[in-house]
Amino acid sequence: MTIRDSAGVIVEAGVLEFGAISPSNAAICEFKFRISGVPTGSKFFTVAVGSGAPVTVSSDDLFGPGVVLQPN
């Protein structure tokens, strides 16, 4: 997983935790991640897992309760 700032620079990289069945929907497998060290100051970031398409998120979402990525 990579996180890029609004200038497109990779500011952090990490790995997903083991997957688990979602408590709200048994057809969904959730992979949680936690990354520290992302610098503040960017209004938005892009988050990408593997070769998946990057998802743009606001800094409030990234530093707030979390980000949900859907498979594409």
N, C-alpha and C. Protein backbone atom coordinates (compact mmCIF):
# COMPACT_ATOMS: atom_id res chain seq x y z
N MET A 1 0.84 -1.15 0.00
CA MET A 1 0.00 0.00 0.00
C MET A 1 0.89 1.23 0.00
N THR A 2 0.48 2.22 -0.77
CA THR A 2 1.22 3.48 -0.80
C THR A 2 0.27 4.66 -0.58
N ILE A 3 0.81 5.67 0.04
CA ILE A 3 0.07 6.92 0.23
C ILE A 3 0.91 8.03 -0.39
N ARG A 4 0.26 8.80 -1.27
CA ARG A 4 0.92 9.93 -1.94
C ARG A 4 0.26 11.22 -1.50
N ASP A 5 1.06 12.27 -1.42
CA ASP A 5 0.50 13.58 -1.09
C ASP A 5 -0.09 14.23 -2.34
N SER A 6 -0.58 15.46 -2.21
CA SER A 6 -1.24 16.13 -3.34
C SER A 6 -0.28 16.44 -4.48
N ALA A 7 1.03 16.38 -4.24
CA ALA A 7 2.01 16.58 -5.30
C ALA A 7 2.38 15.27 -5.99
N GLY A 8 1.81 14.15 -5.52
CA GLY A 8 2.09 12.85 -6.12
C GLY A 8 3.31 12.15 -5.57
N VAL A 9 3.89 12.68 -4.51
CA VAL A 9 5.07 12.10 -3.89
C VAL A 9 4.66 11.03 -2.88
N ILE A 10 5.27 9.84 -2.95
CA ILE A 10 4.98 8.81 -1.96
C ILE A 10 5.49 9.28 -0.61
N VAL A 11 4.58 9.39 0.37
CA VAL A 11 4.96 9.86 1.70
C VAL A 11 4.98 8.73 2.72
N GLU A 12 4.39 7.60 2.38
CA GLU A 12 4.40 6.46 3.29
C GLU A 12 3.99 5.20 2.54
N ALA A 13 4.46 4.08 3.02
CA ALA A 13 4.08 2.78 2.46
C ALA A 13 3.90 1.82 3.62
N GLY A 14 3.06 0.84 3.43
CA GLY A 14 2.79 -0.12 4.49
C GLY A 14 2.20 -1.40 3.94
N VAL A 15 1.80 -2.28 4.83
CA VAL A 15 1.22 -3.55 4.45
C VAL A 15 -0.14 -3.72 5.12
N LEU A 16 -0.98 -4.52 4.50
CA LEU A 16 -2.30 -4.81 5.07
C LEU A 16 -2.16 -5.88 6.15
N GLU A 17 -3.04 -5.82 7.14
CA GLU A 17 -3.11 -6.87 8.14
C GLU A 17 -3.84 -8.06 7.52
N PHE A 18 -3.89 -9.19 8.22
CA PHE A 18 -4.61 -10.36 7.73
C PHE A 18 -6.08 -10.02 7.52
N GLY A 19 -6.68 -10.61 6.51
CA GLY A 19 -8.09 -10.38 6.22
C GLY A 19 -8.99 -11.10 7.19
N ALA A 20 -10.19 -10.56 7.37
CA ALA A 20 -11.20 -11.17 8.24
C ALA A 20 -12.57 -10.92 7.64
N ILE A 21 -13.49 -11.82 7.90
CA ILE A 21 -14.86 -11.65 7.42
C ILE A 21 -15.48 -10.46 8.13
N SER A 22 -16.15 -9.61 7.36
CA SER A 22 -16.80 -8.43 7.91
C SER A 22 -17.90 -8.84 8.88
N PRO A 23 -17.97 -8.21 10.05
CA PRO A 23 -19.05 -8.53 10.99
C PRO A 23 -20.43 -8.12 10.48
N SER A 24 -20.47 -7.18 9.52
CA SER A 24 -21.77 -6.72 9.01
C SER A 24 -22.21 -7.43 7.74
N ASN A 25 -21.27 -8.15 7.05
CA ASN A 25 -21.63 -8.81 5.80
C ASN A 25 -20.64 -9.95 5.56
N ALA A 26 -21.10 -11.18 5.67
CA ALA A 26 -20.22 -12.35 5.55
C ALA A 26 -19.65 -12.52 4.14
N ALA A 27 -20.15 -11.78 3.16
CA ALA A 27 -19.64 -11.87 1.80
C ALA A 27 -18.46 -10.92 1.58
N ILE A 28 -18.09 -10.16 2.60
CA ILE A 28 -17.01 -9.18 2.48
C ILE A 28 -15.85 -9.57 3.38
N CYS A 29 -14.66 -9.49 2.82
CA CYS A 29 -13.44 -9.71 3.60
C CYS A 29 -12.77 -8.35 3.81
N GLU A 30 -12.48 -8.02 5.06
CA GLU A 30 -11.87 -6.73 5.39
C GLU A 30 -10.38 -6.91 5.69
N PHE A 31 -9.58 -5.99 5.21
CA PHE A 31 -8.16 -5.95 5.50
C PHE A 31 -7.88 -4.59 6.13
N LYS A 32 -7.50 -4.57 7.37
CA LYS A 32 -7.22 -3.30 8.04
C LYS A 32 -5.77 -2.93 7.85
N PHE A 33 -5.50 -1.65 7.94
CA PHE A 33 -4.13 -1.17 7.87
C PHE A 33 -3.97 0.03 8.78
N ARG A 34 -2.79 0.23 9.23
CA ARG A 34 -2.47 1.38 10.07
C ARG A 34 -1.09 1.87 9.65
N ILE A 35 -1.01 3.14 9.37
CA ILE A 35 0.26 3.71 8.95
C ILE A 35 0.52 4.96 9.78
N SER A 36 1.73 5.07 10.27
CA SER A 36 2.10 6.28 10.99
C SER A 36 3.21 6.97 10.21
N GLY A 37 3.39 8.22 10.47
CA GLY A 37 4.46 8.94 9.80
C GLY A 37 4.04 9.71 8.57
N VAL A 38 2.74 9.74 8.26
CA VAL A 38 2.29 10.52 7.11
C VAL A 38 2.35 12.00 7.50
N PRO A 39 3.08 12.80 6.74
CA PRO A 39 3.19 14.22 7.10
C PRO A 39 1.87 14.96 6.87
N THR A 40 1.60 15.92 7.72
CA THR A 40 0.41 16.75 7.54
C THR A 40 0.75 17.88 6.57
N GLY A 41 -0.25 18.61 6.16
CA GLY A 41 -0.02 19.77 5.30
C GLY A 41 -0.63 19.63 3.92
N SER A 42 -0.91 18.41 3.48
CA SER A 42 -1.54 18.21 2.19
C SER A 42 -3.05 18.20 2.39
N LYS A 43 -3.80 18.80 1.46
CA LYS A 43 -5.26 18.83 1.59
C LYS A 43 -5.89 17.49 1.23
N PHE A 44 -5.21 16.73 0.37
CA PHE A 44 -5.72 15.41 0.03
C PHE A 44 -4.54 14.48 -0.22
N PHE A 45 -4.84 13.19 -0.20
CA PHE A 45 -3.85 12.14 -0.43
C PHE A 45 -4.47 11.11 -1.37
N THR A 46 -3.64 10.33 -2.03
CA THR A 46 -4.14 9.17 -2.76
C THR A 46 -3.60 7.92 -2.08
N VAL A 47 -4.47 6.95 -1.95
CA VAL A 47 -4.13 5.68 -1.31
C VAL A 47 -4.32 4.59 -2.35
N ALA A 48 -3.32 3.72 -2.50
CA ALA A 48 -3.41 2.61 -3.46
C ALA A 48 -2.92 1.34 -2.79
N VAL A 49 -3.62 0.25 -3.10
CA VAL A 49 -3.22 -1.07 -2.61
C VAL A 49 -2.82 -1.90 -3.82
N GLY A 50 -1.59 -2.37 -3.81
CA GLY A 50 -1.09 -3.18 -4.92
C GLY A 50 -1.21 -2.43 -6.24
N SER A 51 -1.72 -3.12 -7.24
CA SER A 51 -1.86 -2.50 -8.56
C SER A 51 -3.24 -1.87 -8.75
N GLY A 52 -4.02 -1.79 -7.66
CA GLY A 52 -5.34 -1.19 -7.75
C GLY A 52 -5.28 0.30 -8.03
N ALA A 53 -6.36 0.82 -8.55
CA ALA A 53 -6.44 2.25 -8.86
C ALA A 53 -6.36 3.05 -7.57
N PRO A 54 -5.61 4.14 -7.56
CA PRO A 54 -5.53 4.97 -6.35
C PRO A 54 -6.86 5.65 -6.06
N VAL A 55 -7.13 5.82 -4.77
CA VAL A 55 -8.34 6.48 -4.31
C VAL A 55 -7.93 7.78 -3.63
N THR A 56 -8.57 8.87 -4.01
CA THR A 56 -8.27 10.17 -3.41
C THR A 56 -9.11 10.36 -2.16
N VAL A 57 -8.44 10.74 -1.07
CA VAL A 57 -9.13 10.97 0.20
C VAL A 57 -8.66 12.31 0.78
N SER A 58 -9.53 12.94 1.53
CA SER A 58 -9.15 14.20 2.18
C SER A 58 -8.23 13.92 3.35
N SER A 59 -7.50 14.92 3.77
CA SER A 59 -6.63 14.74 4.93
C SER A 59 -7.48 14.48 6.17
N ASP A 60 -8.68 15.07 6.26
CA ASP A 60 -9.56 14.81 7.40
C ASP A 60 -9.93 13.34 7.48
N ASP A 61 -10.22 12.71 6.33
CA ASP A 61 -10.56 11.29 6.33
C ASP A 61 -9.34 10.43 6.66
N LEU A 62 -8.20 10.77 6.08
CA LEU A 62 -7.01 9.97 6.30
C LEU A 62 -6.58 10.00 7.77
N PHE A 63 -6.63 11.18 8.38
CA PHE A 63 -6.21 11.30 9.77
C PHE A 63 -7.35 11.11 10.75
N GLY A 64 -8.57 10.93 10.23
CA GLY A 64 -9.74 10.76 11.08
C GLY A 64 -10.05 9.30 11.35
N PRO A 65 -11.33 8.95 11.23
CA PRO A 65 -11.75 7.60 11.61
C PRO A 65 -11.26 6.50 10.68
N GLY A 66 -10.82 6.83 9.49
CA GLY A 66 -10.29 5.80 8.60
C GLY A 66 -10.78 5.95 7.18
N VAL A 67 -10.23 5.11 6.32
CA VAL A 67 -10.51 5.12 4.90
C VAL A 67 -10.99 3.74 4.50
N VAL A 68 -12.04 3.68 3.71
CA VAL A 68 -12.54 2.40 3.18
C VAL A 68 -12.26 2.37 1.69
N LEU A 69 -11.54 1.35 1.26
CA LEU A 69 -11.24 1.18 -0.16
C LEU A 69 -12.06 0.01 -0.68
N GLN A 70 -12.66 0.17 -1.82
CA GLN A 70 -13.43 -0.91 -2.45
C GLN A 70 -12.60 -1.52 -3.56
N PRO A 71 -12.69 -2.84 -3.76
CA PRO A 71 -11.94 -3.44 -4.86
C PRO A 71 -12.46 -2.95 -6.21
N ASN A 72 -11.58 -2.90 -7.17
CA ASN A 72 -12.01 -2.45 -8.51
C ASN A 72 -11.75 -3.49 -9.52
